[in-house]
PDB file of N, CA and C in Angstrom:
ATOM      1  N   UNK A   1     269.880  44.602 137.421  1.00  0.00           N
ATOM      2  CA  UNK A   1     269.983  43.454 138.241  1.00  0.00           C
ATOM      3  C   UNK A   1     269.077  42.335 137.652  1.00  0.00           C
ATOM      4  N   UNK A   2     267.972  42.736 137.080  1.00  0.00           N
ATOM      5  CA  UNK A   2     267.092  41.694 136.527  1.00  0.00           C
ATOM      6  C   UNK A   2     267.695  40.909 135.402  1.00  0.00           C
ATOM      7  N   UNK A   3     268.557  41.582 134.611  1.00  0.00           N
ATOM      8  CA  UNK A   3     269.228  40.787 133.595  1.00  0.00           C
ATOM      9  C   UNK A   3     270.338  39.815 134.203  1.00  0.00           C
ATOM     10  N   UNK A   4     270.784  40.053 135.246  1.00  0.00           N
ATOM     11  CA  UNK A   4     271.883  39.162 135.850  1.00  0.00           C
ATOM     12  C   UNK A   4     271.273  38.035 136.723  1.00  0.00           C
ATOM     13  N   UNK A   5     270.104  38.161 137.213  1.00  0.00           N
ATOM     14  CA  UNK A   5     269.433  37.023 138.022  1.00  0.00           C
ATOM     15  C   UNK A   5     269.001  35.952 137.153  1.00  0.00           C
ATOM     16  N   UNK A   6     269.038  34.735 137.707  1.00  0.00           N
ATOM     17  CA  UNK A   6     268.600  33.565 136.925  1.00  0.00           C
ATOM     18  C   UNK A   6     267.124  33.717 136.460  1.00  0.00           C
ATOM     19  N   UNK A   7     266.871  33.282 135.230  1.00  0.00           N
ATOM     20  CA  UNK A   7     265.590  33.195 134.691  1.00  0.00           C
ATOM     21  C   UNK A   7     265.188  31.693 134.639  1.00  0.00           C
ATOM     22  N   UNK A   8     264.259  31.336 135.515  1.00  0.00           N
ATOM     23  CA  UNK A   8     263.900  29.928 135.711  1.00  0.00           C
ATOM     24  C   UNK A   8     262.581  29.620 134.954  1.00  0.00           C
ATOM     25  N   UNK A   9     262.536  28.608 134.135  1.00  0.00           N
ATOM     26  CA  UNK A   9     261.391  28.387 133.393  1.00  0.00           C
ATOM     27  C   UNK A   9     260.300  27.917 134.366  1.00  0.00           C
ATOM     28  N   UNK A  10     259.018  28.023 133.846  1.00  0.00           N
ATOM     29  CA  UNK A  10     257.913  27.579 134.619  1.00  0.00           C
ATOM     30  C   UNK A  10     258.104  26.137 134.841  1.00  0.00           C
ATOM     31  N   UNK A  11     257.841  25.668 136.022  1.00  0.00           N
ATOM     32  CA  UNK A  11     258.037  24.248 136.456  1.00  0.00           C
ATOM     33  C   UNK A  11     259.530  23.904 136.799  1.00  0.00           C
ATOM     34  N   UNK A  12     260.436  24.933 136.711  1.00  0.00           N
ATOM     35  CA  UNK A  12     261.798  24.704 137.018  1.00  0.00           C
ATOM     36  C   UNK A  12     262.052  24.798 138.497  1.00  0.00           C
ATOM     37  N   UNK A  13     263.300  24.838 138.918  1.00  0.00           N
ATOM     38  CA  UNK A  13     263.706  25.047 140.376  1.00  0.00           C
ATOM     39  C   UNK A  13     264.696  26.038 140.482  1.00  0.00           C
ATOM     40  N   UNK A  14     264.396  27.027 141.438  1.00  0.00           N
ATOM     41  CA  UNK A  14     265.393  28.087 141.728  1.00  0.00           C
ATOM     42  C   UNK A  14     266.444  27.493 142.780  1.00  0.00           C
ATOM     43  N   UNK A  15     267.633  27.734 142.457  1.00  0.00           N
ATOM     44  CA  UNK A  15     268.695  27.425 143.402  1.00  0.00           C
ATOM     45  C   UNK A  15     269.205  28.665 144.054  1.00  0.00           C
ATOM     46  N   UNK A  16     269.167  28.724 145.386  1.00  0.00           N
ATOM     47  CA  UNK A  16     269.632  29.890 146.091  1.00  0.00           C
ATOM     48  C   UNK A  16     271.164  30.100 145.789  1.00  0.00           C
ATOM     49  N   UNK A  17     271.940  29.064 145.681  1.00  0.00           N
ATOM     50  CA  UNK A  17     273.345  29.314 145.405  1.00  0.00           C
ATOM     51  C   UNK A  17     273.510  29.966 143.989  1.00  0.00           C
ATOM     52  N   UNK A  18     272.724  29.676 143.046  1.00  0.00           N
ATOM     53  CA  UNK A  18     272.839  30.329 141.750  1.00  0.00           C
ATOM     54  C   UNK A  18     272.516  31.838 141.854  1.00  0.00           C
ATOM     55  N   UNK A  19     271.511  32.145 142.676  1.00  0.00           N
ATOM     56  CA  UNK A  19     271.143  33.637 142.910  1.00  0.00           C
ATOM     57  C   UNK A  19     272.306  34.263 143.597  1.00  0.00           C
ATOM     58  N   UNK A  20     272.923  33.614 144.629  1.00  0.00           N
ATOM     59  CA  UNK A  20     274.015  34.169 145.300  1.00  0.00           C
ATOM     60  C   UNK A  20     275.248  34.389 144.352  1.00  0.00           C
ATOM     61  N   UNK A  21     275.443  33.516 143.490  1.00  0.00           N
ATOM     62  CA  UNK A  21     276.626  33.608 142.500  1.00  0.00           C
ATOM     63  C   UNK A  21     276.236  34.835 141.558  1.00  0.00           C
ATOM     64  N   UNK A  22     275.071  34.987 141.066  1.00  0.00           N
ATOM     65  CA  UNK A  22     274.724  36.111 140.242  1.00  0.00           C
ATOM     66  C   UNK A  22     274.962  37.385 140.996  1.00  0.00           C
ATOM     67  N   UNK A  23     274.519  37.517 142.214  1.00  0.00           N
ATOM     68  CA  UNK A  23     274.745  38.769 142.890  1.00  0.00           C
ATOM     69  C   UNK A  23     276.244  39.061 143.176  1.00  0.00           C
ATOM     70  N   UNK A  24     277.065  37.960 143.492  1.00  0.00           N
ATOM     71  CA  UNK A  24     278.444  38.204 143.741  1.00  0.00           C
ATOM     72  C   UNK A  24     279.096  38.664 142.436  1.00  0.00           C
ATOM     73  N   UNK A  25     278.657  38.273 141.278  1.00  0.00           N
ATOM     74  CA  UNK A  25     279.255  38.605 140.006  1.00  0.00           C
ATOM     75  C   UNK A  25     278.981  40.078 139.751  1.00  0.00           C
ATOM     76  N   UNK A  26     277.985  40.715 140.399  1.00  0.00           N
ATOM     77  CA  UNK A  26     277.694  42.175 140.260  1.00  0.00           C
ATOM     78  C   UNK A  26     278.843  43.034 140.852  1.00  0.00           C
ATOM     79  N   UNK A  27     279.618  42.442 141.754  1.00  0.00           N
ATOM     80  CA  UNK A  27     280.714  43.170 142.389  1.00  0.00           C
ATOM     81  C   UNK A  27     280.296  44.517 143.007  1.00  0.00           C
ATOM     82  N   UNK A  28     279.244  44.390 143.873  1.00  0.00           N
ATOM     83  CA  UNK A  28     278.656  45.599 144.489  1.00  0.00           C
ATOM     84  C   UNK A  28     279.543  46.217 145.543  1.00  0.00           C
ATOM     85  N   UNK A  29     279.448  47.549 145.787  1.00  0.00           N
ATOM     86  CA  UNK A  29     280.294  48.153 146.786  1.00  0.00           C
ATOM     87  C   UNK A  29     279.896  47.541 148.251  1.00  0.00           C
ATOM     88  N   UNK A  30     280.855  47.564 149.109  1.00  0.00           N
ATOM     89  CA  UNK A  30     280.625  46.971 150.419  1.00  0.00           C
ATOM     90  C   UNK A  30     279.539  47.698 151.213  1.00  0.00           C
ATOM     91  N   UNK A  31     279.192  48.912 150.872  1.00  0.00           N
ATOM     92  CA  UNK A  31     278.162  49.677 151.534  1.00  0.00           C
ATOM     93  C   UNK A  31     276.712  49.170 151.300  1.00  0.00           C
ATOM     94  N   UNK A  32     276.651  48.362 150.193  1.00  0.00           N
ATOM     95  CA  UNK A  32     275.325  47.745 149.870  1.00  0.00           C
ATOM     96  C   UNK A  32     275.220  46.418 150.600  1.00  0.00           C
ATOM     97  N   UNK A  33     274.267  46.332 151.554  1.00  0.00           N
ATOM     98  CA  UNK A  33     273.971  45.072 152.249  1.00  0.00           C
ATOM     99  C   UNK A  33     273.172  44.211 151.352  1.00  0.00           C
ATOM    100  N   UNK A  34     273.586  42.928 151.221  1.00  0.00           N
ATOM    101  CA  UNK A  34     272.906  41.953 150.412  1.00  0.00           C
ATOM    102  C   UNK A  34     272.417  40.810 151.312  1.00  0.00           C
ATOM    103  N   UNK A  35     271.100  40.525 151.061  1.00  0.00           N
ATOM    104  CA  UNK A  35     270.547  39.438 151.777  1.00  0.00           C
ATOM    105  C   UNK A  35     269.826  38.556 150.865  1.00  0.00           C
ATOM    106  N   UNK A  36     269.873  37.265 151.026  1.00  0.00           N
ATOM    107  CA  UNK A  36     269.125  36.243 150.108  1.00  0.00           C
ATOM    108  C   UNK A  36     268.454  35.270 151.038  1.00  0.00           C
ATOM    109  N   UNK A  37     267.283  34.920 150.662  1.00  0.00           N
ATOM    110  CA  UNK A  37     266.570  33.846 151.449  1.00  0.00           C
ATOM    111  C   UNK A  37     265.657  32.973 150.554  1.00  0.00           C
ATOM    112  N   UNK A  38     265.892  31.695 150.627  1.00  0.00           N
ATOM    113  CA  UNK A  38     265.048  30.700 149.928  1.00  0.00           C
ATOM    114  C   UNK A  38     263.668  30.511 150.659  1.00  0.00           C
ATOM    115  N   UNK A  39     262.599  30.351 150.000  1.00  0.00           N
ATOM    116  CA  UNK A  39     261.287  30.061 150.619  1.00  0.00           C
ATOM    117  C   UNK A  39     260.640  29.103 149.559  1.00  0.00           C
ATOM    118  N   UNK A  40     260.699  27.843 149.853  1.00  0.00           N
ATOM    119  CA  UNK A  40     260.122  26.929 148.974  1.00  0.00           C
ATOM    120  C   UNK A  40     260.744  27.051 147.533  1.00  0.00           C
ATOM    121  N   UNK A  41     259.886  27.248 146.610  1.00  0.00           N
ATOM    122  CA  UNK A  41     260.359  27.344 145.145  1.00  0.00           C
ATOM    123  C   UNK A  41     260.840  28.713 144.686  1.00  0.00           C
ATOM    124  N   UNK A  42     260.899  29.570 145.734  1.00  0.00           N
ATOM    125  CA  UNK A  42     261.202  30.988 145.384  1.00  0.00           C
ATOM    126  C   UNK A  42     262.471  31.454 146.123  1.00  0.00           C
ATOM    127  N   UNK A  43     263.111  32.470 145.640  1.00  0.00           N
ATOM    128  CA  UNK A  43     264.302  33.088 146.390  1.00  0.00           C
ATOM    129  C   UNK A  43     264.078  34.605 146.393  1.00  0.00           C
ATOM    130  N   UNK A  44     264.184  35.206 147.580  1.00  0.00           N
ATOM    131  CA  UNK A  44     263.993  36.613 147.733  1.00  0.00           C
ATOM    132  C   UNK A  44     265.402  37.258 147.890  1.00  0.00           C
ATOM    133  N   UNK A  45     265.498  38.485 147.391  1.00  0.00           N
ATOM    134  CA  UNK A  45     266.715  39.260 147.455  1.00  0.00           C
ATOM    135  C   UNK A  45     266.425  40.603 148.032  1.00  0.00           C
ATOM    136  N   UNK A  46     267.333  41.062 148.875  1.00  0.00           N
ATOM    137  CA  UNK A  46     267.288  42.477 149.319  1.00  0.00           C
ATOM    138  C   UNK A  46     268.642  43.177 149.115  1.00  0.00           C
ATOM    139  N   UNK A  47     268.780  44.240 148.484  1.00  0.00           N
ATOM    140  CA  UNK A  47     269.948  45.031 148.430  1.00  0.00           C
ATOM    141  C   UNK A  47     269.545  46.404 149.035  1.00  0.00           C
ATOM    142  N   UNK A  48     270.341  46.763 150.083  1.00  0.00           N
ATOM    143  CA  UNK A  48     269.970  47.952 150.894  1.00  0.00           C
ATOM    144  C   UNK A  48     271.163  48.820 151.234  1.00  0.00           C
ATOM    145  N   UNK A  49     271.105  50.064 151.384  1.00  0.00           N
ATOM    146  CA  UNK A  49     272.110  50.971 151.877  1.00  0.00           C
ATOM    147  C   UNK A  49     271.588  51.522 153.202  1.00  0.00           C
ATOM    148  N   UNK A  50     272.447  51.566 154.151  1.00  0.00           N
ATOM    149  CA  UNK A  50     272.092  52.057 155.513  1.00  0.00           C
ATOM    150  C   UNK A  50     271.510  53.465 155.339  1.00  0.00           C
ATOM    151  N   UNK A  51     270.379  53.705 155.930  1.00  0.00           N
ATOM    152  CA  UNK A  51     269.687  54.976 155.897  1.00  0.00           C
ATOM    153  C   UNK A  51     270.115  55.829 157.141  1.00  0.00           C
ATOM    154  N   UNK A  52     269.453  57.070 157.132  1.00  0.00           N
ATOM    155  CA  UNK A  52     269.857  57.993 158.181  1.00  0.00           C
ATOM    156  C   UNK A  52     268.820  57.968 159.258  1.00  0.00           C
ATOM    157  N   UNK A  53     267.868  57.074 159.183  1.00  0.00           N
ATOM    158  CA  UNK A  53     266.868  56.898 160.198  1.00  0.00           C
ATOM    159  C   UNK A  53     265.703  57.872 160.147  1.00  0.00           C
ATOM    160  N   UNK A  54     265.707  58.770 159.140  1.00  0.00           N
ATOM    161  CA  UNK A  54     264.650  59.759 159.007  1.00  0.00           C
ATOM    162  C   UNK A  54     263.936  59.647 157.560  1.00  0.00           C
ATOM    163  N   UNK A  55     264.781  59.513 156.611  1.00  0.00           N
ATOM    164  CA  UNK A  55     264.397  59.570 155.170  1.00  0.00           C
ATOM    165  C   UNK A  55     264.046  58.135 154.701  1.00  0.00           C
ATOM    166  N   UNK A  56     263.349  57.974 153.597  1.00  0.00           N
ATOM    167  CA  UNK A  56     263.072  56.576 153.101  1.00  0.00           C
ATOM    168  C   UNK A  56     264.484  55.933 152.823  1.00  0.00           C
ATOM    169  N   UNK A  57     264.502  54.622 153.165  1.00  0.00           N
ATOM    170  CA  UNK A  57     265.735  53.863 152.958  1.00  0.00           C
ATOM    171  C   UNK A  57     265.886  53.520 151.495  1.00  0.00           C
ATOM    172  N   UNK A  58     267.090  53.544 151.018  1.00  0.00           N
ATOM    173  CA  UNK A  58     267.386  52.984 149.672  1.00  0.00           C
ATOM    174  C   UNK A  58     267.437  51.573 149.592  1.00  0.00           C
ATOM    175  N   UNK A  59     266.622  50.894 148.787  1.00  0.00           N
ATOM    176  CA  UNK A  59     266.692  49.404 148.672  1.00  0.00           C
ATOM    177  C   UNK A  59     266.139  48.989 147.348  1.00  0.00           C
ATOM    178  N   UNK A  60     266.476  47.809 147.037  1.00  0.00           N
ATOM    179  CA  UNK A  60     266.010  47.149 145.826  1.00  0.00           C
ATOM    180  C   UNK A  60     265.687  45.654 146.179  1.00  0.00           C
ATOM    181  N   UNK A  61     264.521  45.243 145.835  1.00  0.00           N
ATOM    182  CA  UNK A  61     264.037  43.904 146.192  1.00  0.00           C
ATOM    183  C   UNK A  61     263.864  43.044 144.853  1.00  0.00           C
ATOM    184  N   UNK A  62     264.061  41.782 145.031  1.00  0.00           N
ATOM    185  CA  UNK A  62     263.878  40.940 143.816  1.00  0.00           C
ATOM    186  C   UNK A  62     263.284  39.586 144.359  1.00  0.00           C
ATOM    187  N   UNK A  63     262.561  38.999 143.460  1.00  0.00           N
ATOM    188  CA  UNK A  63     261.841  37.743 143.722  1.00  0.00           C
ATOM    189  C   UNK A  63     262.191  36.839 142.432  1.00  0.00           C
ATOM    190  N   UNK A  64     262.841  35.713 142.722  1.00  0.00           N
ATOM    191  CA  UNK A  64     263.117  34.766 141.631  1.00  0.00           C
ATOM    192  C   UNK A  64     262.428  33.482 141.896  1.00  0.00           C
ATOM    193  N   UNK A  65     261.523  33.127 140.867  1.00  0.00           N
ATOM    194  CA  UNK A  65     260.740  31.927 141.004  1.00  0.00           C
ATOM    195  C   UNK A  65     260.496  31.380 139.710  1.00  0.00           C
ATOM    196  N   UNK A  66     259.984  30.104 139.688  1.00  0.00           N
ATOM    197  CA  UNK A  66     259.726  29.480 138.412  1.00  0.00           C
ATOM    198  C   UNK A  66     258.795  30.355 137.563  1.00  0.00           C
ATOM    199  N   UNK A  67     259.232  30.700 136.308  1.00  0.00           N
ATOM    200  CA  UNK A  67     258.488  31.475 135.390  1.00  0.00           C
ATOM    201  C   UNK A  67     258.427  32.957 135.653  1.00  0.00           C
ATOM    202  N   UNK A  68     259.233  33.396 136.610  1.00  0.00           N
ATOM    203  CA  UNK A  68     259.201  34.856 136.920  1.00  0.00           C
ATOM    204  C   UNK A  68     260.472  35.317 137.666  1.00  0.00           C
ATOM    205  N   UNK A  69     261.007  36.478 137.314  1.00  0.00           N
ATOM    206  CA  UNK A  69     262.023  37.188 137.963  1.00  0.00           C
ATOM    207  C   UNK A  69     261.570  38.686 138.100  1.00  0.00           C
ATOM    208  N   UNK A  70     261.321  39.145 139.266  1.00  0.00           N
ATOM    209  CA  UNK A  70     260.738  40.424 139.428  1.00  0.00           C
ATOM    210  C   UNK A  70     261.750  41.209 140.287  1.00  0.00           C
ATOM    211  N   UNK A  71     261.998  42.521 139.859  1.00  0.00           N
ATOM    212  CA  UNK A  71     262.864  43.392 140.529  1.00  0.00           C
ATOM    213  C   UNK A  71     262.136  44.676 140.712  1.00  0.00           C
ATOM    214  N   UNK A  72     262.155  45.282 141.931  1.00  0.00           N
ATOM    215  CA  UNK A  72     261.424  46.518 142.186  1.00  0.00           C
ATOM    216  C   UNK A  72     262.044  47.269 143.398  1.00  0.00           C
ATOM    217  N   UNK A  73     261.543  48.509 143.464  1.00  0.00           N
ATOM    218  CA  UNK A  73     261.824  49.412 144.594  1.00  0.00           C
ATOM    219  C   UNK A  73     260.398  49.654 145.273  1.00  0.00           C
ATOM    220  N   UNK A  74     260.391  49.309 146.575  1.00  0.00           N
ATOM    221  CA  UNK A  74     259.079  49.591 147.176  1.00  0.00           C
ATOM    222  C   UNK A  74     258.771  51.051 147.203  1.00  0.00           C
ATOM    223  N   UNK A  75     257.482  51.389 147.256  1.00  0.00           N
ATOM    224  CA  UNK A  75     257.090  52.777 147.338  1.00  0.00           C
ATOM    225  C   UNK A  75     257.720  53.480 148.522  1.00  0.00           C
ATOM    226  N   UNK A  76     257.984  54.775 148.391  1.00  0.00           N
ATOM    227  CA  UNK A  76     258.685  55.648 149.453  1.00  0.00           C
ATOM    228  C   UNK A  76     258.062  55.418 150.844  1.00  0.00           C
ATOM    229  N   UNK A  77     256.730  55.397 150.989  1.00  0.00           N
ATOM    230  CA  UNK A  77     256.155  55.251 152.272  1.00  0.00           C
ATOM    231  C   UNK A  77     256.498  53.968 152.964  1.00  0.00           C
ATOM    232  N   UNK A  78     256.667  52.895 152.182  1.00  0.00           N
ATOM    233  CA  UNK A  78     257.088  51.579 152.639  1.00  0.00           C
ATOM    234  C   UNK A  78     258.517  51.536 153.093  1.00  0.00           C
ATOM    235  N   UNK A  79     259.342  52.433 152.510  1.00  0.00           N
ATOM    236  CA  UNK A  79     260.826  52.447 152.748  1.00  0.00           C
ATOM    237  C   UNK A  79     261.081  53.442 153.987  1.00  0.00           C
ATOM    238  N   UNK A  80     260.061  54.003 154.642  1.00  0.00           N
ATOM    239  CA  UNK A  80     260.328  54.875 155.735  1.00  0.00           C
ATOM    240  C   UNK A  80     260.779  53.959 156.904  1.00  0.00           C
ATOM    241  N   UNK A  81     261.589  54.454 157.851  1.00  0.00           N
ATOM    242  CA  UNK A  81     262.022  53.647 159.018  1.00  0.00           C
ATOM    243  C   UNK A  81     260.784  53.055 159.726  1.00  0.00           C
ATOM    244  N   UNK A  82     260.829  51.800 160.006  1.00  0.00           N
ATOM    245  CA  UNK A  82     259.803  51.129 160.763  1.00  0.00           C
ATOM    246  C   UNK A  82     258.652  50.525 159.968  1.00  0.00           C
ATOM    247  N   UNK A  83     258.685  50.813 158.586  1.00  0.00           N
ATOM    248  CA  UNK A  83     257.502  50.288 157.801  1.00  0.00           C
ATOM    249  C   UNK A  83     257.748  48.989 157.192  1.00  0.00           C
ATOM    250  N   UNK A  84     258.954  48.452 157.232  1.00  0.00           N
ATOM    251  CA  UNK A  84     259.173  47.103 156.755  1.00  0.00           C
ATOM    252  C   UNK A  84     259.301  46.879 155.299  1.00  0.00           C
ATOM    253  N   UNK A  85     259.344  47.884 154.483  1.00  0.00           N
ATOM    254  CA  UNK A  85     259.418  47.746 153.050  1.00  0.00           C
ATOM    255  C   UNK A  85     260.704  47.227 152.554  1.00  0.00           C
ATOM    256  N   UNK A  86     261.762  47.541 153.298  1.00  0.00           N
ATOM    257  CA  UNK A  86     263.095  47.089 152.782  1.00  0.00           C
ATOM    258  C   UNK A  86     263.559  45.818 153.639  1.00  0.00           C
ATOM    259  N   UNK A  87     262.751  44.696 153.383  1.00  0.00           N
ATOM    260  CA  UNK A  87     263.014  43.478 154.158  1.00  0.00           C
ATOM    261  C   UNK A  87     262.942  42.299 153.154  1.00  0.00           C
ATOM    262  N   UNK A  88     263.483  41.227 153.527  1.00  0.00           N
ATOM    263  CA  UNK A  88     263.344  39.979 152.754  1.00  0.00           C
ATOM    264  C   UNK A  88     261.927  39.502 152.763  1.00  0.00           C
ATOM    265  N   UNK A  89     261.165  39.711 153.826  1.00  0.00           N
ATOM    266  CA  UNK A  89     259.850  39.280 153.873  1.00  0.00           C
ATOM    267  C   UNK A  89     259.055  40.004 152.804  1.00  0.00           C
ATOM    268  N   UNK A  90     259.309  41.355 152.634  1.00  0.00           N
ATOM    269  CA  UNK A  90     258.655  42.142 151.558  1.00  0.00           C
ATOM    270  C   UNK A  90     259.021  41.639 150.203  1.00  0.00           C
ATOM    271  N   UNK A  91     260.286  41.088 149.997  1.00  0.00           N
ATOM    272  CA  UNK A  91     260.669  40.580 148.738  1.00  0.00           C
ATOM    273  C   UNK A  91     259.869  39.250 148.415  1.00  0.00           C
ATOM    274  N   UNK A  92     259.737  38.438 149.400  1.00  0.00           N
ATOM    275  CA  UNK A  92     259.078  37.186 149.268  1.00  0.00           C
ATOM    276  C   UNK A  92     257.525  37.311 149.217  1.00  0.00           C
ATOM    277  N   UNK A  93     256.998  38.177 149.913  1.00  0.00           N
ATOM    278  CA  UNK A  93     255.589  38.421 150.025  1.00  0.00           C
ATOM    279  C   UNK A  93     255.309  39.905 149.964  1.00  0.00           C
ATOM    280  N   UNK A  94     255.344  40.475 148.701  1.00  0.00           N
ATOM    281  CA  UNK A  94     255.220  41.985 148.594  1.00  0.00           C
ATOM    282  C   UNK A  94     253.965  42.504 149.176  1.00  0.00           C
ATOM    283  N   UNK A  95     254.215  43.644 149.967  1.00  0.00           N
ATOM    284  CA  UNK A  95     253.032  44.294 150.548  1.00  0.00           C
ATOM    285  C   UNK A  95     252.304  45.092 149.454  1.00  0.00           C
ATOM    286  N   UNK A  96     251.052  45.211 149.605  1.00  0.00           N
ATOM    287  CA  UNK A  96     250.297  46.011 148.617  1.00  0.00           C
ATOM    288  C   UNK A  96     250.687  47.405 148.543  1.00  0.00           C
ATOM    289  N   UNK A  97     250.603  48.039 147.431  1.00  0.00           N
ATOM    290  CA  UNK A  97     250.885  49.505 147.392  1.00  0.00           C
ATOM    291  C   UNK A  97     249.951  50.321 148.233  1.00  0.00           C
ATOM    292  N   UNK A  98     250.476  51.355 148.881  1.00  0.00           N
ATOM    293  CA  UNK A  98     249.647  52.203 149.714  1.00  0.00           C
ATOM    294  C   UNK A  98     248.587  52.880 148.828  1.00  0.00           C
ATOM    295  N   UNK A  99     247.435  53.212 149.464  1.00  0.00           N
ATOM    296  CA  UNK A  99     246.353  53.816 148.722  1.00  0.00           C
ATOM    297  C   UNK A  99     246.473  55.319 148.623  1.00  0.00           C
TER     298      UNK A  99
END
């Protein structure tokens, strides 16, 4: 996914529509929920698959901003139900790794 998301130079502007087009071009299966949210000069992305409510949820987060495009999977403990690791908020403002 990192290679498909926009690479915005430092001082540039991230366009939410461009991020959405890049995700649409991935032609992901319908079971993968895609969420995108702009926050100022950054755009957060969440790709998630419905979990069973007991095990860590499968998700991938991305943050596209001027000078950086990061893609990661939150630690397992953050992906447990109720922990908030698989959210757009965590994409935009990543939680620190558990100790």
